[in-house]
Amino acid sequence: MPTKKDFVSILIRTRDVESRFRELLQSLSHQTVPPSELVIIDNYSIISKLEEMTELMKEAKSEFFSNKTKLIIVPLTDAEFSYAYSANAGVSVASGRLVCIINGHCLPTSKEWLESAVVYFRDEKVAGVAGYTLPHEQGTVWEKLAFDWGWRKLNETSKAYRRDTYFSTTNCILRRQLWEEYPFDENLPRLISETAKFGGEDYDWSLEMLARGYTLIVEPKFDVYHSHGKTVSRLAPKYFTWRKIRKQLRSFERPRESFTKVREKIPKHIIL
């Protein structure tokens, strides 16, 4: 059973107040292991949307979290945003020994979601825990075929997930101390141009942790609902691009160093 030592910050990356954002906050407030802190990385579109987010979080602090959970908003403009920097910005202002990262349009699959991952960190060799994704009920048939039936269910039914090293900032928990040693690499787009649009900093981080002798866990109870309503014509090109990115990342000599701007300057943030 998790203890007070398992201080967990939850980092939510979002673009304004997304359609399932309120539902996500409510779900997090009902977890058997409640978050000690919420950090919202808001890649806001316009100032009025950032103001809307601020007001919502003030309401959520009392309505959902009974004023017991610390809330922080890190506003990022489009010019500042990148996948790696947005994650680093959030982790840099978080105080938890463990940091959970989730997207603003994801939903946990149960009240035990967070607890199911936190328990693994009793082992000091565990660097991170991740879960797979299930499409939302409104997800396309192609998303259900690709991500649920053809990937998640296949791996979980066959128990292949026990050998999987999958790790994604769609939903994961990492050990903050190890992030301090190797933050998400903001220089990746200079090395692999496709990562600017498609990401890959999370897979790079997982490969680095494995190279340094740490373990990664995939926990089915830590799965989340996540989808974008994409058709096969949009899913297929992304799949082949991701395969290319992953192949290139596996070719890097490790251990290696990574770069982040947050080592030079902590991002502007609002404490509620």
Protein backbone atom coordinates (compact mmCIF):
# COMPACT_ATOMS: atom_id res chain seq x y z
CA MET A 1 0.00 0.00 0.00
CA PRO A 2 1.43 3.44 -0.91
CA THR A 3 2.60 5.66 1.96
CA LYS A 4 3.26 9.35 2.54
CA LYS A 5 6.68 8.84 0.96
CA ASP A 6 4.87 8.37 -2.34
CA PHE A 7 4.25 12.08 -2.85
CA VAL A 8 2.86 12.15 -6.38
CA SER A 9 2.63 15.23 -8.56
CA ILE A 10 0.33 14.89 -11.56
CA LEU A 11 1.31 16.86 -14.63
CA ILE A 12 -1.51 17.45 -17.15
CA ARG A 13 -0.57 18.74 -20.61
CA THR A 14 -3.46 20.44 -22.36
CA ARG A 15 -4.46 22.94 -25.03
CA ASP A 16 -6.92 25.24 -23.24
CA VAL A 17 -9.79 23.50 -21.41
CA GLU A 18 -10.22 20.37 -23.51
CA SER A 19 -13.53 18.55 -23.84
CA ARG A 20 -12.77 15.91 -21.17
CA PHE A 21 -10.64 18.10 -18.92
CA ARG A 22 -13.23 18.61 -16.17
CA GLU A 23 -14.04 14.90 -16.18
CA LEU A 24 -10.33 14.15 -15.84
CA LEU A 25 -10.00 16.44 -12.82
CA GLN A 26 -12.99 14.80 -11.18
CA SER A 27 -11.57 11.33 -11.83
CA LEU A 28 -8.21 12.30 -10.32
CA SER A 29 -9.93 13.63 -7.20
CA HIS A 30 -11.50 10.19 -6.60
CA GLN A 31 -8.30 8.15 -6.86
CA THR A 32 -7.48 5.74 -4.01
CA VAL A 33 -4.06 7.43 -3.96
CA PRO A 34 -4.97 11.11 -4.31
CA PRO A 35 -2.49 13.39 -6.08
CA SER A 36 -0.54 15.62 -3.72
CA GLU A 37 -0.15 18.26 -6.40
CA LEU A 38 -1.50 19.10 -9.86
CA VAL A 39 0.63 20.89 -12.44
CA ILE A 40 -1.26 22.09 -15.52
CA ILE A 41 0.83 22.76 -18.62
CA ASP A 42 -1.51 24.95 -20.64
CA ASN A 43 -0.44 25.55 -24.23
CA TYR A 44 -3.09 28.25 -24.40
CA SER A 45 -4.40 29.62 -27.69
CA ILE A 46 -5.34 33.13 -26.50
CA ILE A 47 -5.17 35.02 -23.18
CA SER A 48 -8.91 34.66 -22.52
CA LYS A 49 -8.53 30.85 -22.70
CA LEU A 50 -5.72 31.00 -20.13
CA GLU A 51 -7.96 33.10 -17.90
CA GLU A 52 -10.72 30.50 -18.32
CA MET A 53 -8.28 27.77 -17.25
CA THR A 54 -7.20 29.76 -14.20
CA GLU A 55 -10.78 30.27 -13.05
CA LEU A 56 -11.63 26.61 -13.61
CA MET A 57 -8.66 25.47 -11.54
CA LYS A 58 -9.61 27.80 -8.70
CA GLU A 59 -13.07 26.23 -8.69
CA ALA A 60 -11.67 22.71 -8.97
CA LYS A 61 -9.35 23.26 -6.01
CA SER A 62 -12.31 23.68 -3.67
CA GLU A 63 -14.99 21.65 -5.47
CA PHE A 64 -12.96 18.54 -6.38
CA PHE A 65 -9.92 18.64 -4.09
CA SER A 66 -11.31 20.29 -0.92
CA ASN A 67 -8.45 22.83 -0.98
CA LYS A 68 -6.02 20.06 0.03
CA THR A 69 -4.16 19.76 -3.27
CA LYS A 70 -1.60 22.27 -4.46
CA LEU A 71 -2.36 23.55 -7.96
CA ILE A 72 0.14 25.09 -10.37
CA ILE A 73 -0.44 26.40 -13.91
CA VAL A 74 2.46 26.70 -16.34
CA PRO A 75 1.31 28.77 -19.35
CA LEU A 76 3.09 28.10 -22.64
CA THR A 77 2.65 30.01 -25.88
CA ASP A 78 2.84 28.25 -29.24
CA ALA A 79 6.31 29.74 -29.70
CA GLU A 80 7.49 28.17 -26.43
CA PHE A 81 5.81 24.79 -26.89
CA SER A 82 7.54 21.56 -27.78
CA TYR A 83 6.75 18.07 -26.55
CA ALA A 84 10.01 17.80 -24.63
CA TYR A 85 9.99 21.32 -23.20
CA SER A 86 6.36 21.15 -22.07
CA ALA A 87 7.10 17.98 -20.09
CA ASN A 88 10.33 19.39 -18.67
CA ALA A 89 8.63 22.65 -17.71
CA GLY A 90 6.01 20.75 -15.74
CA VAL A 91 8.39 18.38 -14.00
CA SER A 92 10.74 21.26 -13.10
CA VAL A 93 8.09 23.02 -10.97
CA ALA A 94 6.66 19.81 -9.49
CA SER A 95 7.65 18.84 -5.95
CA GLY A 96 6.78 15.14 -5.98
CA ARG A 97 9.30 12.34 -5.68
CA LEU A 98 7.16 10.73 -8.38
CA VAL A 99 5.67 12.64 -11.31
CA CYS A 100 2.72 11.30 -13.27
CA ILE A 101 2.23 12.73 -16.77
CA ILE A 102 -1.12 12.56 -18.57
CA ASN A 103 -2.83 14.42 -21.41
CA GLY A 104 -5.80 16.71 -20.85
CA HIS A 105 -8.07 14.58 -23.06
CA CYS A 106 -7.24 11.26 -21.34
CA LEU A 107 -9.31 9.53 -18.69
CA PRO A 108 -8.14 6.96 -16.11
CA THR A 109 -9.86 3.58 -16.35
CA SER A 110 -10.54 3.20 -12.61
CA LYS A 111 -10.22 4.71 -9.13
CA GLU A 112 -7.18 2.48 -8.53
CA TRP A 113 -5.42 3.79 -11.65
CA LEU A 114 -2.76 5.86 -9.89
CA GLU A 115 -2.21 3.38 -7.07
CA SER A 116 -1.65 0.54 -9.56
CA ALA A 117 1.49 2.29 -10.85
CA VAL A 118 2.81 3.91 -7.67
CA VAL A 119 3.31 0.55 -5.91
CA TYR A 120 6.12 -0.43 -8.31
CA PHE A 121 8.39 2.35 -7.06
CA ARG A 122 9.13 0.37 -3.89
CA ASP A 123 11.83 -1.09 -6.15
CA GLU A 124 14.56 1.56 -6.50
CA LYS A 125 15.54 0.11 -9.89
CA VAL A 126 12.17 1.08 -11.41
CA ALA A 127 12.58 4.30 -13.40
CA GLY A 128 9.07 4.54 -14.78
CA VAL A 129 5.67 2.91 -15.21
CA ALA A 130 3.37 3.28 -18.22
CA GLY A 131 0.03 1.96 -19.42
CA TYR A 132 -1.52 1.37 -22.81
CA THR A 133 -4.35 3.41 -24.32
CA LEU A 134 -7.96 2.49 -25.09
CA PRO A 135 -9.96 4.65 -27.51
CA HIS A 136 -12.80 6.65 -26.03
CA GLU A 137 -16.27 5.32 -26.79
CA GLN A 138 -16.49 7.85 -29.63
CA GLY A 139 -13.17 6.68 -31.11
CA THR A 140 -13.13 5.52 -34.72
CA VAL A 141 -13.22 1.85 -35.63
CA TRP A 142 -9.67 2.24 -36.94
CA GLU A 143 -8.45 3.51 -33.58
CA LYS A 144 -10.17 0.59 -31.87
CA LEU A 145 -8.61 -1.88 -34.31
CA ALA A 146 -5.11 -0.41 -34.02
CA PHE A 147 -4.79 0.61 -30.38
CA ASP A 148 -7.24 -1.64 -28.58
CA TRP A 149 -7.86 -4.94 -30.35
CA GLY A 150 -4.60 -5.16 -32.32
CA TRP A 151 -2.23 -3.83 -29.67
CA ARG A 152 -3.47 -3.51 -26.10
CA LYS A 153 -5.65 -6.63 -25.94
CA LEU A 154 -3.10 -8.71 -27.83
CA ASN A 155 -0.28 -7.74 -25.46
CA GLU A 156 -2.36 -8.07 -22.30
CA THR A 157 -3.98 -11.39 -23.26
CA SER A 158 -0.66 -12.93 -24.28
CA LYS A 159 1.09 -11.39 -21.21
CA ALA A 160 3.61 -9.85 -23.63
CA TYR A 161 3.26 -6.56 -21.72
CA ARG A 162 5.44 -8.09 -18.99
CA ARG A 163 8.39 -7.91 -21.38
CA ASP A 164 7.38 -4.64 -23.03
CA THR A 165 9.46 -1.47 -22.61
CA TYR A 166 6.71 0.82 -23.90
CA PHE A 167 6.81 4.26 -22.26
CA SER A 168 4.77 7.29 -23.29
CA THR A 169 3.97 10.65 -21.74
CA THR A 170 0.36 10.08 -22.75
CA ASN A 171 0.23 8.32 -19.37
CA CYS A 172 3.26 7.46 -17.30
CA ILE A 173 4.91 7.93 -13.93
CA LEU A 174 8.62 8.60 -13.60
CA ARG A 175 11.08 8.95 -10.78
CA ARG A 176 11.90 12.66 -10.59
CA GLN A 177 15.48 12.07 -9.44
CA LEU A 178 16.21 10.21 -12.67
CA TRP A 179 14.57 12.95 -14.73
CA GLU A 180 16.99 15.39 -13.07
CA GLU A 181 19.86 13.24 -14.33
CA TYR A 182 18.38 12.91 -17.82
CA PRO A 183 15.53 15.33 -18.65
CA PHE A 184 13.55 14.95 -21.87
CA ASP A 185 15.88 15.99 -24.68
CA GLU A 186 14.81 19.28 -26.25
CA ASN A 187 17.55 18.91 -28.88
CA LEU A 188 15.95 15.84 -30.48
CA PRO A 189 14.44 17.77 -33.45
CA ARG A 190 18.00 18.76 -34.43
CA LEU A 191 18.92 15.08 -34.56
CA ILE A 192 15.63 13.65 -35.88
CA SER A 193 13.52 16.30 -37.61
CA GLU A 194 10.25 14.33 -37.36
CA THR A 195 10.31 14.50 -33.56
CA ALA A 196 9.34 18.19 -33.71
CA LYS A 197 5.88 17.17 -34.93
CA PHE A 198 5.52 13.61 -33.68
CA GLY A 199 7.48 13.58 -30.42
CA GLY A 200 9.69 10.72 -29.30
CA GLU A 201 11.37 12.31 -26.29
CA ASP A 202 9.56 9.84 -24.03
CA TYR A 203 10.86 6.79 -25.92
CA ASP A 204 14.34 8.33 -25.90
CA TRP A 205 14.07 8.72 -22.10
CA SER A 206 13.02 5.11 -21.68
CA LEU A 207 15.92 3.83 -23.80
CA GLU A 208 18.32 5.92 -21.75
CA MET A 209 16.97 4.53 -18.48
CA LEU A 210 17.36 0.97 -19.76
CA ALA A 211 20.92 1.73 -20.89
CA ARG A 212 21.68 2.98 -17.37
CA GLY A 213 20.47 -0.27 -15.83
CA TYR A 214 16.98 0.73 -14.70
CA THR A 215 13.68 -1.06 -15.27
CA LEU A 216 10.47 0.05 -16.97
CA ILE A 217 7.07 -1.42 -16.16
CA VAL A 218 3.89 -1.69 -18.24
CA GLU A 219 0.84 -2.07 -15.98
CA PRO A 220 -2.56 -2.87 -17.61
CA LYS A 221 -4.43 -1.36 -14.65
CA PHE A 222 -2.70 1.92 -15.50
CA ASP A 223 -4.26 2.14 -18.99
CA VAL A 224 -6.15 5.29 -20.00
CA TYR A 225 -8.88 6.18 -22.47
CA HIS A 226 -7.32 8.27 -25.23
CA SER A 227 -8.17 8.88 -28.88
CA HIS A 228 -8.48 11.65 -31.47
CA GLY A 229 -11.12 10.35 -33.89
CA LYS A 230 -8.58 9.60 -36.62
CA THR A 231 -9.22 7.58 -39.76
CA VAL A 232 -6.90 4.96 -41.25
CA SER A 233 -5.59 7.51 -43.78
CA ARG A 234 -4.21 9.57 -40.88
CA LEU A 235 -3.21 6.71 -38.59
CA ALA A 236 -1.10 4.79 -41.12
CA PRO A 237 1.38 7.60 -41.97
CA LYS A 238 1.84 8.35 -38.27
CA TYR A 239 2.54 4.69 -37.54
CA PHE A 240 5.31 4.50 -40.15
CA THR A 241 6.79 7.81 -38.99
CA TRP A 242 6.86 6.57 -35.40
CA ARG A 243 8.57 3.35 -36.52
CA LYS A 244 11.24 5.43 -38.24
CA ILE A 245 11.74 7.65 -35.18
CA ARG A 246 11.99 4.68 -32.83
CA LYS A 247 14.55 2.98 -35.10
CA GLN A 248 16.70 6.10 -35.16
CA LEU A 249 16.49 6.52 -31.40
CA ARG A 250 17.59 2.93 -30.90
CA SER A 251 20.69 3.67 -32.98
CA PHE A 252 21.99 6.32 -30.56
CA GLU A 253 25.07 5.47 -28.55
CA ARG A 254 24.19 5.32 -24.86
CA PRO A 255 24.48 6.48 -22.18
CA ARG A 256 24.23 10.01 -23.54
CA GLU A 257 23.44 13.52 -22.32
CA SER A 258 20.25 15.49 -22.92
CA PHE A 259 19.47 19.21 -22.99
CA THR A 260 16.71 21.29 -21.43
CA LYS A 261 16.26 25.05 -21.04
CA VAL A 262 14.77 24.59 -17.57
CA ARG A 263 18.27 24.02 -16.19
CA GLU A 264 18.99 27.64 -17.06
CA LYS A 265 15.63 29.18 -16.19
CA ILE A 266 12.58 27.83 -14.34
CA PRO A 267 9.46 28.52 -16.44
CA LYS A 268 6.92 31.13 -15.40
CA HIS A 269 4.16 29.53 -13.35
CA ILE A 270 1.07 30.42 -11.33
CA ILE A 271 0.49 28.86 -7.90
CA LEU A 272 -3.18 28.70 -6.90
